[in-house]
Amino acid sequence: FVDLSDNRISGAARPVAALGEVDSGVEVWQWPRGLAPGPLAAVSSKDFMPSCNLNFTLDLSRNNLVTIQQEMFTRLSRLQCLRLSHNSISQAVNGSQFVPLTRLRVLDLSYNKLDLYHGRSFTELPQLEALDLSYNSQ
């Protein structure tokens, strides 16, 4: 379980493994330099799934992420739960963003600004069991 929530992270992350794998085999993330902190969002209701009791969970909620790129999830195919709620994600989800996440079962994208008009949205997630899209402005 990796919890990076409430950090005001903005921009797109990329794994350091693209620069060379870490000796221990642990995936390490490097965030772009010069990022301005995003505003802290006040939580107004309970989260979709407060405790994701799966083996491999990544929590990036309550940050300032604007886009989702497939490169962000390179080598994270074992990830089962991904929380991206309370960000500023405002893009068309077209079925390509989560391609590396072949074992993802729970995805929380609530409280964003997603454009969900594409017919292939989330088709790249064959094992998805729970999807929260509540409180999206589009």
N, C-alpha and C. Protein backbone atom coordinates (compact mmCIF):
# COMPACT_ATOMS: atom_id res chain seq x y z
N PHE A 1 0.86 -1.18 0.00
CA PHE A 1 0.00 0.00 0.00
C PHE A 1 0.89 1.23 0.00
N VAL A 2 0.69 2.10 -0.98
CA VAL A 2 1.44 3.34 -1.06
C VAL A 2 0.44 4.48 -0.99
N ASP A 3 0.57 5.32 0.03
CA ASP A 3 -0.35 6.44 0.23
C ASP A 3 0.38 7.75 -0.02
N LEU A 4 0.05 8.39 -1.13
CA LEU A 4 0.61 9.69 -1.48
C LEU A 4 -0.49 10.74 -1.50
N SER A 5 -1.56 10.49 -0.76
CA SER A 5 -2.68 11.43 -0.74
C SER A 5 -2.33 12.68 0.06
N ASP A 6 -3.08 13.74 -0.18
CA ASP A 6 -2.92 15.01 0.54
C ASP A 6 -1.52 15.59 0.44
N ASN A 7 -0.91 15.50 -0.72
CA ASN A 7 0.43 16.03 -0.90
C ASN A 7 0.49 17.20 -1.86
N ARG A 8 -0.61 17.58 -2.42
CA ARG A 8 -0.68 18.68 -3.39
C ARG A 8 0.23 18.43 -4.59
N ILE A 9 0.34 17.17 -5.00
CA ILE A 9 1.15 16.80 -6.16
C ILE A 9 0.43 17.27 -7.41
N SER A 10 1.18 17.88 -8.31
CA SER A 10 0.60 18.28 -9.60
C SER A 10 1.54 17.82 -10.70
N GLY A 11 1.03 17.77 -11.91
CA GLY A 11 1.83 17.31 -13.03
C GLY A 11 1.72 15.82 -13.18
N ALA A 12 2.57 15.26 -14.03
CA ALA A 12 2.55 13.83 -14.28
C ALA A 12 3.80 13.21 -13.69
N ALA A 13 3.63 12.08 -13.03
CA ALA A 13 4.76 11.36 -12.46
C ALA A 13 5.33 10.42 -13.50
N ARG A 14 6.58 10.09 -13.34
CA ARG A 14 7.17 9.07 -14.19
C ARG A 14 8.07 8.20 -13.33
N PRO A 15 8.08 6.90 -13.60
CA PRO A 15 8.90 6.03 -12.77
C PRO A 15 10.37 6.26 -13.03
N VAL A 16 11.17 6.20 -11.97
CA VAL A 16 12.61 6.35 -12.10
C VAL A 16 13.19 5.21 -12.91
N ALA A 17 12.51 4.07 -12.93
CA ALA A 17 13.01 2.91 -13.67
C ALA A 17 13.28 3.25 -15.12
N ALA A 18 12.63 4.28 -15.64
CA ALA A 18 12.92 4.71 -17.01
C ALA A 18 14.36 5.21 -17.11
N LEU A 19 14.94 5.64 -16.00
CA LEU A 19 16.31 6.11 -15.95
C LEU A 19 17.27 5.01 -15.50
N GLY A 20 16.76 3.93 -15.03
CA GLY A 20 17.56 2.82 -14.51
C GLY A 20 16.89 2.22 -13.29
N GLU A 21 16.74 0.92 -13.26
CA GLU A 21 16.02 0.25 -12.17
C GLU A 21 16.77 0.38 -10.85
N VAL A 22 16.02 0.51 -9.80
CA VAL A 22 16.58 0.56 -8.46
C VAL A 22 17.03 -0.85 -8.07
N ASP A 23 18.15 -0.98 -7.38
CA ASP A 23 18.72 -2.29 -7.05
C ASP A 23 17.76 -3.23 -6.35
N SER A 24 16.95 -2.72 -5.45
CA SER A 24 16.06 -3.58 -4.69
C SER A 24 14.86 -4.05 -5.51
N GLY A 25 14.69 -3.53 -6.71
CA GLY A 25 13.56 -3.90 -7.54
C GLY A 25 12.30 -3.13 -7.20
N VAL A 26 12.37 -2.22 -6.25
CA VAL A 26 11.22 -1.42 -5.85
C VAL A 26 11.05 -0.27 -6.82
N GLU A 27 9.84 -0.08 -7.30
CA GLU A 27 9.54 1.01 -8.22
C GLU A 27 9.57 2.34 -7.45
N VAL A 28 10.35 3.28 -7.92
CA VAL A 28 10.45 4.59 -7.29
C VAL A 28 9.95 5.62 -8.28
N TRP A 29 9.17 6.60 -7.78
CA TRP A 29 8.60 7.61 -8.65
C TRP A 29 9.36 8.92 -8.51
N GLN A 30 9.53 9.60 -9.62
CA GLN A 30 10.18 10.90 -9.61
C GLN A 30 9.20 11.91 -10.18
N TRP A 31 8.94 12.96 -9.43
CA TRP A 31 7.99 13.99 -9.86
C TRP A 31 8.75 15.11 -10.53
N PRO A 32 8.18 15.73 -11.57
CA PRO A 32 8.86 16.82 -12.27
C PRO A 32 9.25 17.92 -11.30
N ARG A 33 10.37 18.59 -11.60
CA ARG A 33 10.84 19.68 -10.75
C ARG A 33 10.07 20.95 -11.04
N GLY A 34 10.08 21.85 -10.09
CA GLY A 34 9.48 23.16 -10.29
C GLY A 34 7.96 23.17 -10.24
N LEU A 35 7.36 22.20 -9.59
CA LEU A 35 5.91 22.15 -9.53
C LEU A 35 5.40 23.07 -8.43
N ALA A 36 4.39 23.81 -8.74
CA ALA A 36 3.77 24.66 -7.73
C ALA A 36 2.77 23.84 -6.95
N PRO A 37 2.69 24.01 -5.63
CA PRO A 37 1.70 23.27 -4.86
C PRO A 37 0.29 23.65 -5.27
N GLY A 38 -0.58 22.66 -5.35
CA GLY A 38 -1.97 22.91 -5.69
C GLY A 38 -2.76 23.26 -4.44
N PRO A 39 -3.99 23.72 -4.62
CA PRO A 39 -4.81 24.07 -3.45
C PRO A 39 -5.27 22.81 -2.72
N LEU A 40 -5.36 22.90 -1.43
CA LEU A 40 -5.89 21.78 -0.65
C LEU A 40 -7.40 21.77 -0.78
N ALA A 41 -7.95 20.63 -1.11
CA ALA A 41 -9.40 20.52 -1.25
C ALA A 41 -10.00 20.02 0.05
N ALA A 42 -11.08 20.61 0.45
CA ALA A 42 -11.77 20.16 1.65
C ALA A 42 -12.64 18.97 1.29
N VAL A 43 -12.58 17.94 2.07
CA VAL A 43 -13.37 16.75 1.83
C VAL A 43 -14.77 16.99 2.39
N SER A 44 -15.77 16.82 1.52
CA SER A 44 -17.12 17.14 1.94
C SER A 44 -17.99 15.91 2.20
N SER A 45 -17.52 14.73 1.82
CA SER A 45 -18.29 13.52 2.09
C SER A 45 -17.34 12.34 2.20
N LYS A 46 -17.88 11.20 2.61
CA LYS A 46 -17.05 10.01 2.73
C LYS A 46 -16.57 9.58 1.35
N ASP A 47 -15.38 9.03 1.32
CA ASP A 47 -14.84 8.52 0.07
C ASP A 47 -15.60 7.27 -0.37
N PHE A 48 -15.50 6.98 -1.63
CA PHE A 48 -16.16 5.83 -2.23
C PHE A 48 -15.80 4.53 -1.50
N MET A 49 -14.54 4.30 -1.30
CA MET A 49 -14.09 3.09 -0.64
C MET A 49 -12.97 3.47 0.33
N PRO A 50 -13.33 3.85 1.56
CA PRO A 50 -12.33 4.34 2.51
C PRO A 50 -11.19 3.37 2.78
N SER A 51 -11.45 2.09 2.76
CA SER A 51 -10.38 1.13 2.97
C SER A 51 -10.39 0.11 1.84
N CYS A 52 -9.42 0.21 1.00
CA CYS A 52 -9.29 -0.73 -0.11
C CYS A 52 -8.40 -1.86 0.40
N ASN A 53 -9.01 -2.96 0.77
CA ASN A 53 -8.29 -4.07 1.40
C ASN A 53 -7.73 -5.05 0.37
N LEU A 54 -7.08 -4.53 -0.63
CA LEU A 54 -6.45 -5.37 -1.64
C LEU A 54 -4.94 -5.31 -1.45
N ASN A 55 -4.24 -6.29 -1.96
CA ASN A 55 -2.80 -6.39 -1.75
C ASN A 55 -2.00 -5.22 -2.32
N PHE A 56 -2.37 -4.72 -3.48
CA PHE A 56 -1.57 -3.69 -4.15
C PHE A 56 -2.44 -2.46 -4.39
N THR A 57 -2.24 -1.42 -3.58
CA THR A 57 -3.04 -0.21 -3.62
C THR A 57 -2.15 1.01 -3.75
N LEU A 58 -2.56 1.95 -4.59
CA LEU A 58 -1.87 3.23 -4.72
C LEU A 58 -2.90 4.33 -4.54
N ASP A 59 -2.66 5.21 -3.58
CA ASP A 59 -3.58 6.30 -3.27
C ASP A 59 -2.93 7.62 -3.67
N LEU A 60 -3.46 8.24 -4.71
CA LEU A 60 -3.01 9.55 -5.17
C LEU A 60 -4.12 10.57 -5.03
N SER A 61 -5.05 10.32 -4.13
CA SER A 61 -6.18 11.23 -3.95
C SER A 61 -5.75 12.52 -3.29
N ARG A 62 -6.59 13.54 -3.45
CA ARG A 62 -6.39 14.87 -2.85
C ARG A 62 -5.05 15.47 -3.21
N ASN A 63 -4.74 15.44 -4.48
CA ASN A 63 -3.56 16.10 -5.01
C ASN A 63 -4.03 17.10 -6.06
N ASN A 64 -3.19 17.46 -6.97
CA ASN A 64 -3.57 18.40 -8.01
C ASN A 64 -3.19 17.85 -9.38
N LEU A 65 -3.46 16.57 -9.59
CA LEU A 65 -3.19 15.95 -10.89
C LEU A 65 -4.20 16.45 -11.91
N VAL A 66 -3.73 16.79 -13.10
CA VAL A 66 -4.59 17.35 -14.14
C VAL A 66 -4.86 16.34 -15.25
N THR A 67 -3.89 15.50 -15.55
CA THR A 67 -4.06 14.51 -16.61
C THR A 67 -3.60 13.14 -16.12
N ILE A 68 -4.09 12.13 -16.82
CA ILE A 68 -3.67 10.75 -16.57
C ILE A 68 -3.00 10.29 -17.85
N GLN A 69 -1.79 9.79 -17.71
CA GLN A 69 -1.06 9.27 -18.86
C GLN A 69 -0.66 7.83 -18.58
N GLN A 70 -0.72 7.02 -19.58
CA GLN A 70 -0.41 5.61 -19.44
C GLN A 70 1.00 5.39 -18.89
N GLU A 71 1.93 6.29 -19.21
CA GLU A 71 3.30 6.19 -18.73
C GLU A 71 3.40 6.28 -17.20
N MET A 72 2.43 6.90 -16.57
CA MET A 72 2.42 7.02 -15.11
C MET A 72 2.33 5.65 -14.44
N PHE A 73 1.78 4.67 -15.15
CA PHE A 73 1.51 3.37 -14.55
C PHE A 73 2.38 2.26 -15.13
N THR A 74 3.43 2.62 -15.84
CA THR A 74 4.34 1.63 -16.40
C THR A 74 4.90 0.76 -15.29
N ARG A 75 4.89 -0.52 -15.49
CA ARG A 75 5.41 -1.52 -14.56
C ARG A 75 4.61 -1.61 -13.27
N LEU A 76 3.35 -1.17 -13.30
CA LEU A 76 2.47 -1.31 -12.14
C LEU A 76 1.30 -2.24 -12.45
N SER A 77 1.54 -3.23 -13.27
CA SER A 77 0.46 -4.12 -13.70
C SER A 77 -0.16 -4.90 -12.53
N ARG A 78 0.56 -5.05 -11.42
CA ARG A 78 0.01 -5.78 -10.26
C ARG A 78 -0.93 -4.92 -9.41
N LEU A 79 -1.02 -3.63 -9.71
CA LEU A 79 -1.87 -2.73 -8.94
C LEU A 79 -3.33 -3.19 -9.02
N GLN A 80 -4.00 -3.26 -7.86
CA GLN A 80 -5.38 -3.71 -7.80
C GLN A 80 -6.35 -2.60 -7.44
N CYS A 81 -5.89 -1.59 -6.72
CA CYS A 81 -6.75 -0.49 -6.31
C CYS A 81 -6.02 0.82 -6.56
N LEU A 82 -6.69 1.74 -7.25
CA LEU A 82 -6.10 3.04 -7.57
C LEU A 82 -7.09 4.12 -7.18
N ARG A 83 -6.65 5.02 -6.31
CA ARG A 83 -7.51 6.12 -5.85
C ARG A 83 -6.96 7.43 -6.41
N LEU A 84 -7.76 8.06 -7.27
CA LEU A 84 -7.40 9.34 -7.88
C LEU A 84 -8.46 10.40 -7.58
N SER A 85 -9.22 10.22 -6.52
CA SER A 85 -10.30 11.16 -6.21
C SER A 85 -9.74 12.49 -5.74
N HIS A 86 -10.58 13.52 -5.83
CA HIS A 86 -10.24 14.87 -5.36
C HIS A 86 -8.98 15.41 -6.01
N ASN A 87 -8.88 15.29 -7.32
CA ASN A 87 -7.81 15.89 -8.09
C ASN A 87 -8.43 16.91 -9.04
N SER A 88 -7.69 17.33 -10.03
CA SER A 88 -8.21 18.26 -11.04
C SER A 88 -8.11 17.63 -12.42
N ILE A 89 -8.35 16.33 -12.50
CA ILE A 89 -8.22 15.61 -13.77
C ILE A 89 -9.35 16.05 -14.69
N SER A 90 -8.97 16.64 -15.81
CA SER A 90 -9.98 17.19 -16.74
C SER A 90 -9.59 16.83 -18.16
N GLN A 91 -9.76 15.59 -18.51
CA GLN A 91 -9.42 15.13 -19.84
C GLN A 91 -10.46 14.12 -20.31
N ALA A 92 -10.42 13.84 -21.59
CA ALA A 92 -11.29 12.80 -22.14
C ALA A 92 -10.66 11.45 -21.82
N VAL A 93 -11.39 10.59 -21.15
CA VAL A 93 -10.91 9.25 -20.84
C VAL A 93 -11.31 8.37 -22.02
N ASN A 94 -10.31 7.93 -22.80
CA ASN A 94 -10.61 7.31 -24.08
C ASN A 94 -10.26 5.84 -24.20
N GLY A 95 -9.93 5.19 -23.10
CA GLY A 95 -9.61 3.77 -23.16
C GLY A 95 -8.14 3.46 -23.30
N SER A 96 -7.28 4.47 -23.18
CA SER A 96 -5.84 4.23 -23.29
C SER A 96 -5.06 4.60 -22.04
N GLN A 97 -5.65 5.35 -21.14
CA GLN A 97 -4.92 5.87 -19.98
C GLN A 97 -4.45 4.77 -19.03
N PHE A 98 -5.22 3.72 -18.86
CA PHE A 98 -4.92 2.72 -17.83
C PHE A 98 -4.45 1.39 -18.42
N VAL A 99 -3.95 1.37 -19.63
CA VAL A 99 -3.55 0.14 -20.31
C VAL A 99 -2.62 -0.74 -19.48
N PRO A 100 -1.60 -0.20 -18.80
CA PRO A 100 -0.71 -1.08 -18.03
C PRO A 100 -1.37 -1.76 -16.82
N LEU A 101 -2.52 -1.28 -16.39
CA LEU A 101 -3.14 -1.76 -15.16
C LEU A 101 -4.09 -2.94 -15.43
N THR A 102 -3.54 -4.02 -15.90
CA THR A 102 -4.34 -5.17 -16.33
C THR A 102 -5.03 -5.91 -15.18
N ARG A 103 -4.58 -5.70 -13.94
CA ARG A 103 -5.19 -6.38 -12.79
C ARG A 103 -6.00 -5.44 -11.90
N LEU A 104 -6.23 -4.23 -12.35
CA LEU A 104 -6.94 -3.24 -11.53
C LEU A 104 -8.37 -3.68 -11.30
N ARG A 105 -8.79 -3.69 -10.03
CA ARG A 105 -10.14 -4.10 -9.66
C ARG A 105 -10.99 -2.94 -9.15
N VAL A 106 -10.36 -1.92 -8.54
CA VAL A 106 -11.09 -0.79 -7.97
C VAL A 106 -10.43 0.49 -8.47
N LEU A 107 -11.26 1.40 -9.01
CA LEU A 107 -10.77 2.69 -9.50
C LEU A 107 -11.69 3.79 -9.00
N ASP A 108 -11.12 4.73 -8.27
CA ASP A 108 -11.88 5.85 -7.72
C ASP A 108 -11.43 7.13 -8.41
N LEU A 109 -12.30 7.67 -9.25
CA LEU A 109 -12.05 8.92 -9.97
C LEU A 109 -13.06 9.99 -9.57
N SER A 110 -13.64 9.88 -8.40
CA SER A 110 -14.65 10.84 -7.96
C SER A 110 -14.01 12.21 -7.72
N TYR A 111 -14.84 13.23 -7.77
CA TYR A 111 -14.43 14.62 -7.51
C TYR A 111 -13.31 15.07 -8.45
N ASN A 112 -13.53 14.91 -9.74
CA ASN A 112 -12.62 15.41 -10.76
C ASN A 112 -13.45 16.19 -11.78
N LYS A 113 -12.92 16.35 -12.97
CA LYS A 113 -13.61 17.08 -14.04
C LYS A 113 -13.52 16.27 -15.33
N LEU A 114 -13.76 14.99 -15.24
CA LEU A 114 -13.57 14.09 -16.38
C LEU A 114 -14.58 14.30 -17.48
N ASP A 115 -14.12 14.09 -18.71
CA ASP A 115 -14.98 14.05 -19.88
C ASP A 115 -15.20 12.58 -20.20
N LEU A 116 -16.42 12.11 -20.02
CA LEU A 116 -16.71 10.68 -20.16
C LEU A 116 -17.53 10.36 -21.40
N TYR A 117 -17.38 11.15 -22.44
CA TYR A 117 -18.20 10.95 -23.63
C TYR A 117 -17.59 9.99 -24.63
N HIS A 118 -16.43 9.47 -24.38
CA HIS A 118 -15.80 8.54 -25.32
C HIS A 118 -16.35 7.14 -25.11
N GLY A 119 -16.66 6.45 -26.18
CA GLY A 119 -17.26 5.12 -26.09
C GLY A 119 -16.33 4.03 -25.59
N ARG A 120 -15.04 4.27 -25.59
CA ARG A 120 -14.08 3.24 -25.15
C ARG A 120 -13.55 3.49 -23.74
N SER A 121 -14.12 4.42 -23.01
CA SER A 121 -13.66 4.72 -21.65
C SER A 121 -13.64 3.46 -20.80
N PHE A 122 -12.50 3.18 -20.18
CA PHE A 122 -12.30 2.09 -19.22
C PHE A 122 -12.36 0.69 -19.82
N THR A 123 -12.40 0.56 -21.14
CA THR A 123 -12.43 -0.77 -21.76
C THR A 123 -11.10 -1.49 -21.62
N GLU A 124 -10.04 -0.77 -21.27
CA GLU A 124 -8.71 -1.36 -21.11
C GLU A 124 -8.54 -2.04 -19.76
N LEU A 125 -9.58 -2.04 -18.93
CA LEU A 125 -9.50 -2.59 -17.58
C LEU A 125 -10.38 -3.85 -17.47
N PRO A 126 -9.87 -5.00 -17.90
CA PRO A 126 -10.70 -6.21 -17.97
C PRO A 126 -11.16 -6.76 -16.62
N GLN A 127 -10.46 -6.46 -15.52
CA GLN A 127 -10.82 -7.02 -14.22
C GLN A 127 -11.49 -6.01 -13.31
N LEU A 128 -11.87 -4.85 -13.84
CA LEU A 128 -12.46 -3.80 -13.03
C LEU A 128 -13.80 -4.25 -12.43
N GLU A 129 -13.92 -4.14 -11.10
CA GLU A 129 -15.13 -4.52 -10.38
C GLU A 129 -15.89 -3.32 -9.82
N ALA A 130 -15.16 -2.26 -9.48
CA ALA A 130 -15.79 -1.08 -8.88
C ALA A 130 -15.17 0.18 -9.48
N LEU A 131 -16.05 1.09 -9.91
CA LEU A 131 -15.62 2.34 -10.53
C LEU A 131 -16.48 3.46 -9.96
N ASP A 132 -15.82 4.46 -9.36
CA ASP A 132 -16.55 5.59 -8.81
C ASP A 132 -16.26 6.82 -9.65
N LEU A 133 -17.30 7.34 -10.31
CA LEU A 133 -17.20 8.54 -11.14
C LEU A 133 -18.07 9.66 -10.59
N SER A 134 -18.48 9.54 -9.35
CA SER A 134 -19.37 10.53 -8.77
C SER A 134 -18.69 11.90 -8.66
N TYR A 135 -19.50 12.93 -8.71
CA TYR A 135 -19.07 14.31 -8.55
C TYR A 135 -18.03 14.74 -9.57
N ASN A 136 -18.22 14.34 -10.82
CA ASN A 136 -17.43 14.85 -11.92
C ASN A 136 -18.25 15.92 -12.62
N SER A 137 -17.60 16.99 -13.02
CA SER A 137 -18.34 18.15 -13.51
C SER A 137 -18.78 18.03 -14.98
N GLN A 138 -18.22 17.11 -15.73
CA GLN A 138 -18.56 17.01 -17.16
C GLN A 138 -19.78 16.11 -17.36
